[in-house]
Amino acid sequence: MRREELYLRDIIEAADHIVQFIGGFDRAGFQGSELVRSAVVQKLAVIGEAAAHVSPDLKARYPEVPWPRIVAFRNILVHAYFGVDWDEVWRAATKESPALRSQIASILRAEFGKSEGQG
């Protein structure tokens, strides 16, 4: 079985990629770029999938992280792609993903004594 720490690192990496993908874009530019929208959705799905694999014990220790919402958002993105609310995706990419990244980095330090850059 894959180590839980690796799922947390997947979240960090996906959030970092989202920042790279949307850099230089405003909401209108994002809306107009199928390439960027698709890339962001894929990384948000990675975040949701990784969050789904985090153990119930760890989730219970960090209830401030909206674990169920993250997983639910992934399910909506994957299963209702043609009905995606792109304003919600933009908000997730610009606001929630960076906040989540910060929370996950703190969890990595607390649980594993490492920063997100250490292997």
PDB file of N, CA and C in Angstrom:
ATOM      1  N   MET A   1       0.839  -1.190   0.000  1.00  0.00           N
ATOM      2  CA  MET A   1       0.000   0.000   0.000  1.00  0.00           C
ATOM      3  C   MET A   1       0.884   1.254   0.000  1.00  0.00           C
ATOM      4  N   ARG A   2       0.433   2.244  -0.689  1.00  0.00           N
ATOM      5  CA  ARG A   2       1.169   3.500  -0.808  1.00  0.00           C
ATOM      6  C   ARG A   2       1.159   4.244   0.522  1.00  0.00           C
ATOM      7  N   ARG A   3       2.290   4.823   0.875  1.00  0.00           N
ATOM      8  CA  ARG A   3       2.388   5.569   2.129  1.00  0.00           C
ATOM      9  C   ARG A   3       1.538   6.836   2.074  1.00  0.00           C
ATOM     10  N   GLU A   4       0.907   7.107   3.186  1.00  0.00           N
ATOM     11  CA  GLU A   4       0.036   8.272   3.288  1.00  0.00           C
ATOM     12  C   GLU A   4       0.775   9.576   2.996  1.00  0.00           C
ATOM     13  N   GLU A   5       2.001   9.651   3.420  1.00  0.00           N
ATOM     14  CA  GLU A   5       2.802  10.849   3.176  1.00  0.00           C
ATOM     15  C   GLU A   5       2.845  11.178   1.680  1.00  0.00           C
ATOM     16  N   LEU A   6       2.880  10.156   0.841  1.00  0.00           N
ATOM     17  CA  LEU A   6       2.951  10.380  -0.599  1.00  0.00           C
ATOM     18  C   LEU A   6       1.668  10.999  -1.143  1.00  0.00           C
ATOM     19  N   TYR A   7       0.529  10.628  -0.589  1.00  0.00           N
ATOM     20  CA  TYR A   7      -0.728  11.256  -1.011  1.00  0.00           C
ATOM     21  C   TYR A   7      -0.736  12.739  -0.648  1.00  0.00           C
ATOM     22  N   LEU A   8      -0.208  13.053   0.513  1.00  0.00           N
ATOM     23  CA  LEU A   8      -0.120  14.462   0.913  1.00  0.00           C
ATOM     24  C   LEU A   8       0.821  15.225  -0.020  1.00  0.00           C
ATOM     25  N   ARG A   9       1.900  14.598  -0.398  1.00  0.00           N
ATOM     26  CA  ARG A   9       2.832  15.234  -1.336  1.00  0.00           C
ATOM     27  C   ARG A   9       2.190  15.407  -2.716  1.00  0.00           C
ATOM     28  N   ASP A  10       1.339  14.460  -3.105  1.00  0.00           N
ATOM     29  CA  ASP A  10       0.606  14.599  -4.368  1.00  0.00           C
ATOM     30  C   ASP A  10      -0.259  15.855  -4.350  1.00  0.00           C
ATOM     31  N   ILE A  11      -0.873  16.128  -3.212  1.00  0.00           N
ATOM     32  CA  ILE A  11      -1.717  17.321  -3.080  1.00  0.00           C
ATOM     33  C   ILE A  11      -0.872  18.580  -3.248  1.00  0.00           C
ATOM     34  N   ILE A  12       0.276  18.615  -2.582  1.00  0.00           N
ATOM     35  CA  ILE A  12       1.194  19.757  -2.678  1.00  0.00           C
ATOM     36  C   ILE A  12       1.623  19.964  -4.135  1.00  0.00           C
ATOM     37  N   GLU A  13       2.043  18.888  -4.770  1.00  0.00           N
ATOM     38  CA  GLU A  13       2.529  18.981  -6.146  1.00  0.00           C
ATOM     39  C   GLU A  13       1.423  19.460  -7.095  1.00  0.00           C
ATOM     40  N   ALA A  14       0.229  18.915  -6.951  1.00  0.00           N
ATOM     41  CA  ALA A  14      -0.882  19.328  -7.817  1.00  0.00           C
ATOM     42  C   ALA A  14      -1.227  20.799  -7.595  1.00  0.00           C
ATOM     43  N   ALA A  15      -1.231  21.230  -6.339  1.00  0.00           N
ATOM     44  CA  ALA A  15      -1.521  22.646  -6.044  1.00  0.00           C
ATOM     45  C   ALA A  15      -0.447  23.546  -6.656  1.00  0.00           C
ATOM     46  N   ASP A  16       0.807  23.116  -6.596  1.00  0.00           N
ATOM     47  CA  ASP A  16       1.889  23.896  -7.205  1.00  0.00           C
ATOM     48  C   ASP A  16       1.710  23.987  -8.723  1.00  0.00           C
ATOM     49  N   HIS A  17       1.306  22.888  -9.342  1.00  0.00           N
ATOM     50  CA  HIS A  17       1.075  22.908 -10.787  1.00  0.00           C
ATOM     51  C   HIS A  17      -0.075  23.847 -11.148  1.00  0.00           C
ATOM     52  N   ILE A  18      -1.121  23.841 -10.348  1.00  0.00           N
ATOM     53  CA  ILE A  18      -2.248  24.737 -10.617  1.00  0.00           C
ATOM     54  C   ILE A  18      -1.783  26.186 -10.628  1.00  0.00           C
ATOM     55  N   VAL A  19      -0.959  26.555  -9.657  1.00  0.00           N
ATOM     56  CA  VAL A  19      -0.427  27.924  -9.609  1.00  0.00           C
ATOM     57  C   VAL A  19       0.347  28.228 -10.893  1.00  0.00           C
ATOM     58  N   GLN A  20       1.149  27.283 -11.360  1.00  0.00           N
ATOM     59  CA  GLN A  20       1.901  27.474 -12.601  1.00  0.00           C
ATOM     60  C   GLN A  20       0.960  27.623 -13.796  1.00  0.00           C
ATOM     61  N   PHE A  21      -0.062  26.781 -13.845  1.00  0.00           N
ATOM     62  CA  PHE A  21      -0.978  26.787 -14.996  1.00  0.00           C
ATOM     63  C   PHE A  21      -1.748  28.099 -15.106  1.00  0.00           C
ATOM     64  N   ILE A  22      -2.167  28.653 -13.978  1.00  0.00           N
ATOM     65  CA  ILE A  22      -3.012  29.855 -14.034  1.00  0.00           C
ATOM     66  C   ILE A  22      -2.220  31.151 -13.929  1.00  0.00           C
ATOM     67  N   GLY A  23      -0.913  31.045 -13.740  1.00  0.00           N
ATOM     68  CA  GLY A  23      -0.082  32.238 -13.657  1.00  0.00           C
ATOM     69  C   GLY A  23      -0.256  33.114 -14.884  1.00  0.00           C
ATOM     70  N   GLY A  24      -0.533  34.379 -14.681  1.00  0.00           N
ATOM     71  CA  GLY A  24      -0.709  35.308 -15.779  1.00  0.00           C
ATOM     72  C   GLY A  24      -2.114  35.337 -16.359  1.00  0.00           C
ATOM     73  N   PHE A  25      -2.992  34.485 -15.858  1.00  0.00           N
ATOM     74  CA  PHE A  25      -4.374  34.463 -16.340  1.00  0.00           C
ATOM     75  C   PHE A  25      -5.288  35.190 -15.372  1.00  0.00           C
ATOM     76  N   ASP A  26      -6.239  35.926 -15.913  1.00  0.00           N
ATOM     77  CA  ASP A  26      -7.351  36.400 -15.112  1.00  0.00           C
ATOM     78  C   ASP A  26      -8.515  35.445 -15.373  1.00  0.00           C
ATOM     79  N   ARG A  27      -9.642  35.702 -14.750  1.00  0.00           N
ATOM     80  CA  ARG A  27     -10.790  34.799 -14.887  1.00  0.00           C
ATOM     81  C   ARG A  27     -11.208  34.642 -16.355  1.00  0.00           C
ATOM     82  N   ALA A  28     -11.243  35.753 -17.087  1.00  0.00           N
ATOM     83  CA  ALA A  28     -11.663  35.695 -18.498  1.00  0.00           C
ATOM     84  C   ALA A  28     -10.673  34.883 -19.332  1.00  0.00           C
ATOM     85  N   GLY A  29      -9.396  35.091 -19.096  1.00  0.00           N
ATOM     86  CA  GLY A  29      -8.386  34.317 -19.814  1.00  0.00           C
ATOM     87  C   GLY A  29      -8.486  32.838 -19.510  1.00  0.00           C
ATOM     88  N   PHE A  30      -8.708  32.526 -18.247  1.00  0.00           N
ATOM     89  CA  PHE A  30      -8.909  31.143 -17.842  1.00  0.00           C
ATOM     90  C   PHE A  30     -10.123  30.550 -18.553  1.00  0.00           C
ATOM     91  N   GLN A  31     -11.222  31.292 -18.533  1.00  0.00           N
ATOM     92  CA  GLN A  31     -12.456  30.820 -19.177  1.00  0.00           C
ATOM     93  C   GLN A  31     -12.239  30.555 -20.663  1.00  0.00           C
ATOM     94  N   GLY A  32     -11.367  31.338 -21.288  1.00  0.00           N
ATOM     95  CA  GLY A  32     -11.150  31.215 -22.715  1.00  0.00           C
ATOM     96  C   GLY A  32     -10.117  30.194 -23.131  1.00  0.00           C
ATOM     97  N   SER A  33      -9.456  29.569 -22.177  1.00  0.00           N
ATOM     98  CA  SER A  33      -8.397  28.612 -22.516  1.00  0.00           C
ATOM     99  C   SER A  33      -8.805  27.192 -22.137  1.00  0.00           C
ATOM    100  N   GLU A  34      -9.199  26.433 -23.126  1.00  0.00           N
ATOM    101  CA  GLU A  34      -9.555  25.014 -22.884  1.00  0.00           C
ATOM    102  C   GLU A  34      -8.358  24.257 -22.327  1.00  0.00           C
ATOM    103  N   LEU A  35      -7.171  24.571 -22.815  1.00  0.00           N
ATOM    104  CA  LEU A  35      -5.966  23.886 -22.352  1.00  0.00           C
ATOM    105  C   LEU A  35      -5.755  24.100 -20.855  1.00  0.00           C
ATOM    106  N   VAL A  36      -5.804  25.343 -20.421  1.00  0.00           N
ATOM    107  CA  VAL A  36      -5.578  25.651 -19.005  1.00  0.00           C
ATOM    108  C   VAL A  36      -6.709  25.094 -18.147  1.00  0.00           C
ATOM    109  N   ARG A  37      -7.944  25.252 -18.595  1.00  0.00           N
ATOM    110  CA  ARG A  37      -9.078  24.711 -17.824  1.00  0.00           C
ATOM    111  C   ARG A  37      -8.931  23.202 -17.648  1.00  0.00           C
ATOM    112  N   SER A  38      -8.585  22.509 -18.720  1.00  0.00           N
ATOM    113  CA  SER A  38      -8.435  21.050 -18.644  1.00  0.00           C
ATOM    114  C   SER A  38      -7.303  20.655 -17.698  1.00  0.00           C
ATOM    115  N   ALA A  39      -6.198  21.383 -17.774  1.00  0.00           N
ATOM    116  CA  ALA A  39      -5.058  21.085 -16.908  1.00  0.00           C
ATOM    117  C   ALA A  39      -5.410  21.306 -15.441  1.00  0.00           C
ATOM    118  N   VAL A  40      -6.102  22.401 -15.155  1.00  0.00           N
ATOM    119  CA  VAL A  40      -6.491  22.703 -13.774  1.00  0.00           C
ATOM    120  C   VAL A  40      -7.469  21.657 -13.255  1.00  0.00           C
ATOM    121  N   VAL A  41      -8.436  21.291 -14.069  1.00  0.00           N
ATOM    122  CA  VAL A  41      -9.407  20.274 -13.643  1.00  0.00           C
ATOM    123  C   VAL A  41      -8.688  18.962 -13.336  1.00  0.00           C
ATOM    124  N   GLN A  42      -7.735  18.595 -14.170  1.00  0.00           N
ATOM    125  CA  GLN A  42      -7.013  17.340 -13.933  1.00  0.00           C
ATOM    126  C   GLN A  42      -6.274  17.388 -12.600  1.00  0.00           C
ATOM    127  N   LYS A  43      -5.627  18.501 -12.300  1.00  0.00           N
ATOM    128  CA  LYS A  43      -4.888  18.606 -11.034  1.00  0.00           C
ATOM    129  C   LYS A  43      -5.835  18.697  -9.842  1.00  0.00           C
ATOM    130  N   LEU A  44      -6.980  19.353  -9.992  1.00  0.00           N
ATOM    131  CA  LEU A  44      -7.967  19.359  -8.911  1.00  0.00           C
ATOM    132  C   LEU A  44      -8.488  17.939  -8.665  1.00  0.00           C
ATOM    133  N   ALA A  45      -8.629  17.163  -9.730  1.00  0.00           N
ATOM    134  CA  ALA A  45      -9.052  15.767  -9.578  1.00  0.00           C
ATOM    135  C   ALA A  45      -7.980  14.958  -8.849  1.00  0.00           C
ATOM    136  N   VAL A  46      -6.714  15.228  -9.147  1.00  0.00           N
ATOM    137  CA  VAL A  46      -5.611  14.560  -8.438  1.00  0.00           C
ATOM    138  C   VAL A  46      -5.684  14.885  -6.949  1.00  0.00           C
ATOM    139  N   ILE A  47      -5.918  16.146  -6.638  1.00  0.00           N
ATOM    140  CA  ILE A  47      -6.036  16.556  -5.234  1.00  0.00           C
ATOM    141  C   ILE A  47      -7.169  15.784  -4.555  1.00  0.00           C
ATOM    142  N   GLY A  48      -8.313  15.708  -5.211  1.00  0.00           N
ATOM    143  CA  GLY A  48      -9.448  14.991  -4.632  1.00  0.00           C
ATOM    144  C   GLY A  48      -9.192  13.510  -4.474  1.00  0.00           C
ATOM    145  N   GLU A  49      -8.541  12.926  -5.449  1.00  0.00           N
ATOM    146  CA  GLU A  49      -8.224  11.487  -5.378  1.00  0.00           C
ATOM    147  C   GLU A  49      -7.236  11.221  -4.241  1.00  0.00           C
ATOM    148  N   ALA A  50      -6.221  12.060  -4.129  1.00  0.00           N
ATOM    149  CA  ALA A  50      -5.245  11.891  -3.046  1.00  0.00           C
ATOM    150  C   ALA A  50      -5.922  12.072  -1.687  1.00  0.00           C
ATOM    151  N   ALA A  51      -6.786  13.071  -1.571  1.00  0.00           N
ATOM    152  CA  ALA A  51      -7.501  13.308  -0.310  1.00  0.00           C
ATOM    153  C   ALA A  51      -8.371  12.117   0.064  1.00  0.00           C
ATOM    154  N   ALA A  52      -8.929  11.455  -0.930  1.00  0.00           N
ATOM    155  CA  ALA A  52      -9.767  10.280  -0.668  1.00  0.00           C
ATOM    156  C   ALA A  52      -8.959   9.135  -0.066  1.00  0.00           C
ATOM    157  N   HIS A  53      -7.650   9.116  -0.318  1.00  0.00           N
ATOM    158  CA  HIS A  53      -6.797   8.036   0.189  1.00  0.00           C
ATOM    159  C   HIS A  53      -6.159   8.338   1.543  1.00  0.00           C
ATOM    160  N   VAL A  54      -6.365   9.538   2.039  1.00  0.00           N
ATOM    161  CA  VAL A  54      -5.841   9.878   3.370  1.00  0.00           C
ATOM    162  C   VAL A  54      -6.658   9.109   4.403  1.00  0.00           C
ATOM    163  N   SER A  55      -5.991   8.564   5.379  1.00  0.00           N
ATOM    164  CA  SER A  55      -6.661   7.709   6.364  1.00  0.00           C
ATOM    165  C   SER A  55      -7.674   8.490   7.206  1.00  0.00           C
ATOM    166  N   PRO A  56      -8.704   7.796   7.652  1.00  0.00           N
ATOM    167  CA  PRO A  56      -9.673   8.439   8.549  1.00  0.00           C
ATOM    168  C   PRO A  56      -9.016   8.994   9.812  1.00  0.00           C
ATOM    169  N   ASP A  57      -7.988   8.313  10.314  1.00  0.00           N
ATOM    170  CA  ASP A  57      -7.296   8.789  11.515  1.00  0.00           C
ATOM    171  C   ASP A  57      -6.637  10.144  11.291  1.00  0.00           C
ATOM    172  N   LEU A  58      -5.931  10.273  10.176  1.00  0.00           N
ATOM    173  CA  LEU A  58      -5.280  11.550   9.899  1.00  0.00           C
ATOM    174  C   LEU A  58      -6.327  12.630   9.649  1.00  0.00           C
ATOM    175  N   LYS A  59      -7.362  12.296   8.904  1.00  0.00           N
ATOM    176  CA  LYS A  59      -8.432  13.269   8.656  1.00  0.00           C
ATOM    177  C   LYS A  59      -9.048  13.739   9.975  1.00  0.00           C
ATOM    178  N   ALA A  60      -9.214  12.833  10.906  1.00  0.00           N
ATOM    179  CA  ALA A  60      -9.802  13.188  12.202  1.00  0.00           C
ATOM    180  C   ALA A  60      -8.886  14.120  12.988  1.00  0.00           C
ATOM    181  N   ARG A  61      -7.577  13.972  12.821  1.00  0.00           N
ATOM    182  CA  ARG A  61      -6.632  14.847  13.523  1.00  0.00           C
ATOM    183  C   ARG A  61      -6.605  16.250  12.927  1.00  0.00           C
ATOM    184  N   TYR A  62      -7.076  16.395  11.686  1.00  0.00           N
ATOM    185  CA  TYR A  62      -7.048  17.692  11.008  1.00  0.00           C
ATOM    186  C   TYR A  62      -8.431  18.016  10.438  1.00  0.00           C
ATOM    187  N   PRO A  63      -9.404  18.210  11.325  1.00  0.00           N
ATOM    188  CA  PRO A  63     -10.768  18.463  10.860  1.00  0.00           C
ATOM    189  C   PRO A  63     -10.946  19.829  10.183  1.00  0.00           C
ATOM    190  N   GLU A  64      -9.951  20.721  10.345  1.00  0.00           N
ATOM    191  CA  GLU A  64     -10.040  22.027   9.693  1.00  0.00           C
ATOM    192  C   GLU A  64      -9.887  21.914   8.172  1.00  0.00           C
ATOM    193  N   VAL A  65      -9.311  20.815   7.709  1.00  0.00           N
ATOM    194  CA  VAL A  65      -9.209  20.563   6.268  1.00  0.00           C
ATOM    195  C   VAL A  65     -10.565  20.016   5.813  1.00  0.00           C
ATOM    196  N   PRO A  66     -11.141  20.601   4.792  1.00  0.00           N
ATOM    197  CA  PRO A  66     -12.475  20.157   4.349  1.00  0.00           C
ATOM    198  C   PRO A  66     -12.407  18.885   3.493  1.00  0.00           C
ATOM    199  N   TRP A  67     -11.927  17.805   4.087  1.00  0.00           N
ATOM    200  CA  TRP A  67     -11.715  16.546   3.352  1.00  0.00           C
ATOM    201  C   TRP A  67     -12.932  16.105   2.536  1.00  0.00           C
ATOM    202  N   PRO A  68     -14.118  16.046   3.133  1.00  0.00           N
ATOM    203  CA  PRO A  68     -15.280  15.582   2.349  1.00  0.00           C
ATOM    204  C   PRO A  68     -15.595  16.492   1.157  1.00  0.00           C
ATOM    205  N   ARG A  69     -15.440  17.795   1.334  1.00  0.00           N
ATOM    206  CA  ARG A  69     -15.699  18.730   0.229  1.00  0.00           C
ATOM    207  C   ARG A  69     -14.691  18.550  -0.902  1.00  0.00           C
ATOM    208  N   ILE A  70     -13.447  18.287  -0.551  1.00  0.00           N
ATOM    209  CA  ILE A  70     -12.404  18.086  -1.557  1.00  0.00           C
ATOM    210  C   ILE A  70     -12.725  16.863  -2.406  1.00  0.00           C
ATOM    211  N   VAL A  71     -13.085  15.780  -1.742  1.00  0.00           N
ATOM    212  CA  VAL A  71     -13.409  14.537  -2.450  1.00  0.00           C
ATOM    213  C   VAL A  71     -14.686  14.718  -3.273  1.00  0.00           C
ATOM    214  N   ALA A  72     -15.673  15.378  -2.715  1.00  0.00           N
ATOM    215  CA  ALA A  72     -16.930  15.601  -3.433  1.00  0.00           C
ATOM    216  C   ALA A  72     -16.700  16.461  -4.680  1.00  0.00           C
ATOM    217  N   PHE A  73     -15.852  17.473  -4.558  1.00  0.00           N
ATOM    218  CA  PHE A  73     -15.561  18.333  -5.703  1.00  0.00           C
ATOM    219  C   PHE A  73     -14.882  17.530  -6.802  1.00  0.00           C
ATOM    220  N   ARG A  74     -13.989  16.654  -6.435  1.00  0.00           N
ATOM    221  CA  ARG A  74     -13.337  15.775  -7.410  1.00  0.00           C
ATOM    222  C   ARG A  74     -14.377  14.937  -8.131  1.00  0.00           C
ATOM    223  N   ASN A  75     -15.316  14.385  -7.396  1.00  0.00           N
ATOM    224  CA  ASN A  75     -16.347  13.552  -8.009  1.00  0.00           C
ATOM    225  C   ASN A  75     -17.193  14.342  -8.998  1.00  0.00           C
ATOM    226  N   ILE A  76     -17.510  15.566  -8.652  1.00  0.00           N
ATOM    227  CA  ILE A  76     -18.280  16.417  -9.569  1.00  0.00           C
ATOM    228  C   ILE A  76     -17.466  16.687 -10.832  1.00  0.00           C
ATOM    229  N   LEU A  77     -16.189  17.023 -10.663  1.00  0.00           N
ATOM    230  CA  LEU A  77     -15.346  17.319 -11.817  1.00  0.00           C
ATOM    231  C   LEU A  77     -15.234  16.124 -12.756  1.00  0.00           C
ATOM    232  N   VAL A  78     -15.057  14.964 -12.187  1.00  0.00           N
ATOM    233  CA  VAL A  78     -14.830  13.774 -12.999  1.00  0.00           C
ATOM    234  C   VAL A  78     -16.120  13.252 -13.623  1.00  0.00           C
ATOM    235  N   HIS A  79     -17.203  13.281 -12.880  1.00  0.00           N
ATOM    236  CA  HIS A  79     -18.441  12.643 -13.346  1.00  0.00           C
ATOM    237  C   HIS A  79     -19.425  13.593 -13.997  1.00  0.00           C
ATOM    238  N   ALA A  80     -19.224  14.885 -13.825  1.00  0.00           N
ATOM    239  CA  ALA A  80     -20.156  15.858 -14.418  1.00  0.00           C
ATOM    240  C   ALA A  80     -19.388  16.914 -15.188  1.00  0.00           C
ATOM    241  N   TYR A  81     -18.361  16.482 -15.908  1.00  0.00           N
ATOM    242  CA  TYR A  81     -17.450  17.414 -16.564  1.00  0.00           C
ATOM    243  C   TYR A  81     -18.182  18.410 -17.447  1.00  0.00           C
ATOM    244  N   PHE A  82     -19.188  17.974 -18.172  1.00  0.00           N
ATOM    245  CA  PHE A  82     -19.864  18.869 -19.105  1.00  0.00           C
ATOM    246  C   PHE A  82     -20.788  19.852 -18.394  1.00  0.00           C
ATOM    247  N   GLY A  83     -21.009  19.645 -17.119  1.00  0.00           N
ATOM    248  CA  GLY A  83     -21.819  20.569 -16.348  1.00  0.00           C
ATOM    249  C   GLY A  83     -21.024  21.331 -15.307  1.00  0.00           C
ATOM    250  N   VAL A  84     -19.711  21.383 -15.489  1.00  0.00           N
ATOM    251  CA  VAL A  84     -18.825  22.031 -14.521  1.00  0.00           C
ATOM    252  C   VAL A  84     -19.101  23.533 -14.470  1.00  0.00           C
ATOM    253  N   ASP A  85     -19.141  24.050 -13.268  1.00  0.00           N
ATOM    254  CA  ASP A  85     -19.255  25.495 -13.044  1.00  0.00           C
ATOM    255  C   ASP A  85     -17.830  26.056 -13.052  1.00  0.00           C
ATOM    256  N   TRP A  86     -17.448  26.713 -14.151  1.00  0.00           N
ATOM    257  CA  TRP A  86     -16.071  27.181 -14.295  1.00  0.00           C
ATOM    258  C   TRP A  86     -15.713  28.282 -13.320  1.00  0.00           C
ATOM    259  N   ASP A  87     -16.701  29.026 -12.841  1.00  0.00           N
ATOM    260  CA  ASP A  87     -16.415  30.007 -11.795  1.00  0.00           C
ATOM    261  C   ASP A  87     -15.990  29.307 -10.505  1.00  0.00           C
ATOM    262  N   GLU A  88     -16.615  28.173 -10.220  1.00  0.00           N
ATOM    263  CA  GLU A  88     -16.221  27.379  -9.041  1.00  0.00           C
ATOM    264  C   GLU A  88     -14.813  26.821  -9.212  1.00  0.00           C
ATOM    265  N   VAL A  89     -14.502  26.365 -10.403  1.00  0.00           N
ATOM    266  CA  VAL A  89     -13.157  25.836 -10.661  1.00  0.00           C
ATOM    267  C   VAL A  89     -12.125  26.954 -10.500  1.00  0.00           C
ATOM    268  N   TRP A  90     -12.433  28.141 -11.017  1.00  0.00           N
ATOM    269  CA  TRP A  90     -11.526  29.281 -10.869  1.00  0.00           C
ATOM    270  C   TRP A  90     -11.308  29.602  -9.393  1.00  0.00           C
ATOM    271  N   ARG A  91     -12.406  29.630  -8.622  1.00  0.00           N
ATOM    272  CA  ARG A  91     -12.301  29.905  -7.193  1.00  0.00           C
ATOM    273  C   ARG A  91     -11.459  28.835  -6.501  1.00  0.00           C
ATOM    274  N   ALA A  92     -11.690  27.581  -6.843  1.00  0.00           N
ATOM    275  CA  ALA A  92     -10.910  26.487  -6.247  1.00  0.00           C
ATOM    276  C   ALA A  92      -9.431  26.633  -6.594  1.00  0.00           C
ATOM    277  N   ALA A  93      -9.148  27.010  -7.829  1.00  0.00           N
ATOM    278  CA  ALA A  93      -7.760  27.126  -8.276  1.00  0.00           C
ATOM    279  C   ALA A  93      -7.048  28.315  -7.649  1.00  0.00           C
ATOM    280  N   THR A  94      -7.754  29.436  -7.506  1.00  0.00           N
ATOM    281  CA  THR A  94      -7.096  30.665  -7.053  1.00  0.00           C
ATOM    282  C   THR A  94      -7.156  30.875  -5.547  1.00  0.00           C
ATOM    283  N   LYS A  95      -8.156  30.335  -4.895  1.00  0.00           N
ATOM    284  CA  LYS A  95      -8.335  30.579  -3.454  1.00  0.00           C
ATOM    285  C   LYS A  95      -8.134  29.310  -2.615  1.00  0.00           C
ATOM    286  N   GLU A  96      -8.887  28.283  -2.948  1.00  0.00           N
ATOM    287  CA  GLU A  96      -8.905  27.087  -2.094  1.00  0.00           C
ATOM    288  C   GLU A  96      -7.660  26.230  -2.241  1.00  0.00           C
ATOM    289  N   SER A  97      -7.163  26.091  -3.454  1.00  0.00           N
ATOM    290  CA  SER A  97      -5.977  25.267  -3.660  1.00  0.00           C
ATOM    291  C   SER A  97      -4.757  25.820  -2.916  1.00  0.00           C
ATOM    292  N   PRO A  98      -4.467  27.123  -2.999  1.00  0.00           N
ATOM    293  CA  PRO A  98      -3.333  27.644  -2.224  1.00  0.00           C
ATOM    294  C   PRO A  98      -3.522  27.498  -0.700  1.00  0.00           C
ATOM    295  N   ALA A  99      -4.747  27.695  -0.229  1.00  0.00           N
ATOM    296  CA  ALA A  99      -5.010  27.536   1.208  1.00  0.00           C
ATOM    297  C   ALA A  99      -4.812  26.082   1.621  1.00  0.00           C
ATOM    298  N   LEU A 100      -5.306  25.170   0.797  1.00  0.00           N
ATOM    299  CA  LEU A 100      -5.140  23.742   1.087  1.00  0.00           C
ATOM    300  C   LEU A 100      -3.667  23.367   1.074  1.00  0.00           C
ATOM    301  N   ARG A 101      -2.931  23.901   0.121  1.00  0.00           N
ATOM    302  CA  ARG A 101      -1.502  23.595   0.049  1.00  0.00           C
ATOM    303  C   ARG A 101      -0.810  23.961   1.357  1.00  0.00           C
ATOM    304  N   SER A 102      -1.146  25.120   1.879  1.00  0.00           N
ATOM    305  CA  SER A 102      -0.563  25.565   3.140  1.00  0.00           C
ATOM    306  C   SER A 102      -0.928  24.615   4.287  1.00  0.00           C
ATOM    307  N   GLN A 103      -2.179  24.203   4.341  1.00  0.00           N
ATOM    308  CA  GLN A 103      -2.617  23.267   5.383  1.00  0.00           C
ATOM    309  C   GLN A 103      -1.876  21.938   5.273  1.00  0.00           C
ATOM    310  N   ILE A 104      -1.746  21.427   4.054  1.00  0.00           N
ATOM    311  CA  ILE A 104      -1.091  20.135   3.847  1.00  0.00           C
ATOM    312  C   ILE A 104       0.393  20.230   4.179  1.00  0.00           C
ATOM    313  N   ALA A 105       1.032  21.343   3.842  1.00  0.00           N
ATOM    314  CA  ALA A 105       2.442  21.531   4.201  1.00  0.00           C
ATOM    315  C   ALA A 105       2.611  21.487   5.718  1.00  0.00           C
ATOM    316  N   SER A 106       1.688  22.081   6.449  1.00  0.00           N
ATOM    317  CA  SER A 106       1.731  22.038   7.915  1.00  0.00           C
ATOM    318  C   SER A 106       1.548  20.618   8.434  1.00  0.00           C
ATOM    319  N   ILE A 107       0.656  19.882   7.817  1.00  0.00           N
ATOM    320  CA  ILE A 107       0.434  18.488   8.222  1.00  0.00           C
ATOM    321  C   ILE A 107       1.687  17.657   7.977  1.00  0.00           C
ATOM    322  N   LEU A 108       2.320  17.851   6.839  1.00  0.00           N
ATOM    323  CA  LEU A 108       3.564  17.114   6.557  1.00  0.00           C
ATOM    324  C   LEU A 108       4.619  17.386   7.614  1.00  0.00           C
ATOM    325  N   ARG A 109       4.752  18.651   8.004  1.00  0.00           N
ATOM    326  CA  ARG A 109       5.735  18.983   9.049  1.00  0.00           C
ATOM    327  C   ARG A 109       5.359  18.328  10.380  1.00  0.00           C
ATOM    328  N   ALA A 110       4.080  18.401  10.739  1.00  0.00           N
ATOM    329  CA  ALA A 110       3.631  17.878  12.028  1.00  0.00           C
ATOM    330  C   ALA A 110       3.690  16.354  12.085  1.00  0.00           C
ATOM    331  N   GLU A 111       3.295  15.711  11.020  1.00  0.00           N
ATOM    332  CA  GLU A 111       3.176  14.249  11.012  1.00  0.00           C
ATOM    333  C   GLU A 111       4.484  13.538  10.672  1.00  0.00           C
ATOM    334  N   PHE A 112       5.266  14.139   9.789  1.00  0.00           N
ATOM    335  CA  PHE A 112       6.428  13.428   9.256  1.00  0.00           C
ATOM    336  C   PHE A 112       7.730  14.173   9.506  1.00  0.00           C
ATOM    337  N   GLY A 113       7.635  15.359  10.131  1.00  0.00           N
ATOM    338  CA  GLY A 113       8.829  16.117  10.467  1.00  0.00           C
ATOM    339  C   GLY A 113       9.597  16.609   9.258  1.00  0.00           C
ATOM    340  N   LYS A 114       8.879  16.756   8.154  1.00  0.00           N
ATOM    341  CA  LYS A 114       9.520  17.187   6.923  1.00  0.00           C
ATOM    342  C   LYS A 114       8.719  18.314   6.314  1.00  0.00           C
ATOM    343  N   SER A 115       9.428  19.152   5.543  1.00  0.00           N
ATOM    344  CA  SER A 115       8.721  20.124   4.730  1.00  0.00           C
ATOM    345  C   SER A 115       8.324  19.440   3.428  1.00  0.00           C
ATOM    346  N   GLU A 116       7.494  20.103   2.656  1.00  0.00           N
ATOM    347  CA  GLU A 116       7.008  19.469   1.426  1.00  0.00           C
ATOM    348  C   GLU A 116       8.099  19.189   0.413  1.00  0.00           C
ATOM    349  N   GLY A 117       9.238  19.866   0.497  1.00  0.00           N
ATOM    350  CA  GLY A 117      10.308  19.655  -0.470  1.00  0.00           C
ATOM    351  C   GLY A 117      11.217  18.486  -0.151  1.00  0.00           C
ATOM    352  N   GLN A 118      11.106  17.938   1.033  1.00  0.00           N
ATOM    353  CA  GLN A 118      11.984  16.834   1.437  1.00  0.00           C
ATOM    354  C   GLN A 118      11.381  15.497   1.043  1.00  0.00           C
ATOM    355  N   GLY A 119      12.229  14.565   0.685  1.00  0.00           N
ATOM    356  CA  GLY A 119      11.768  13.236   0.307  1.00  0.00           C
ATOM    357  C   GLY A 119      12.191  12.305   1.319  1.00  0.00           C
TER     358      GLY A 119
END
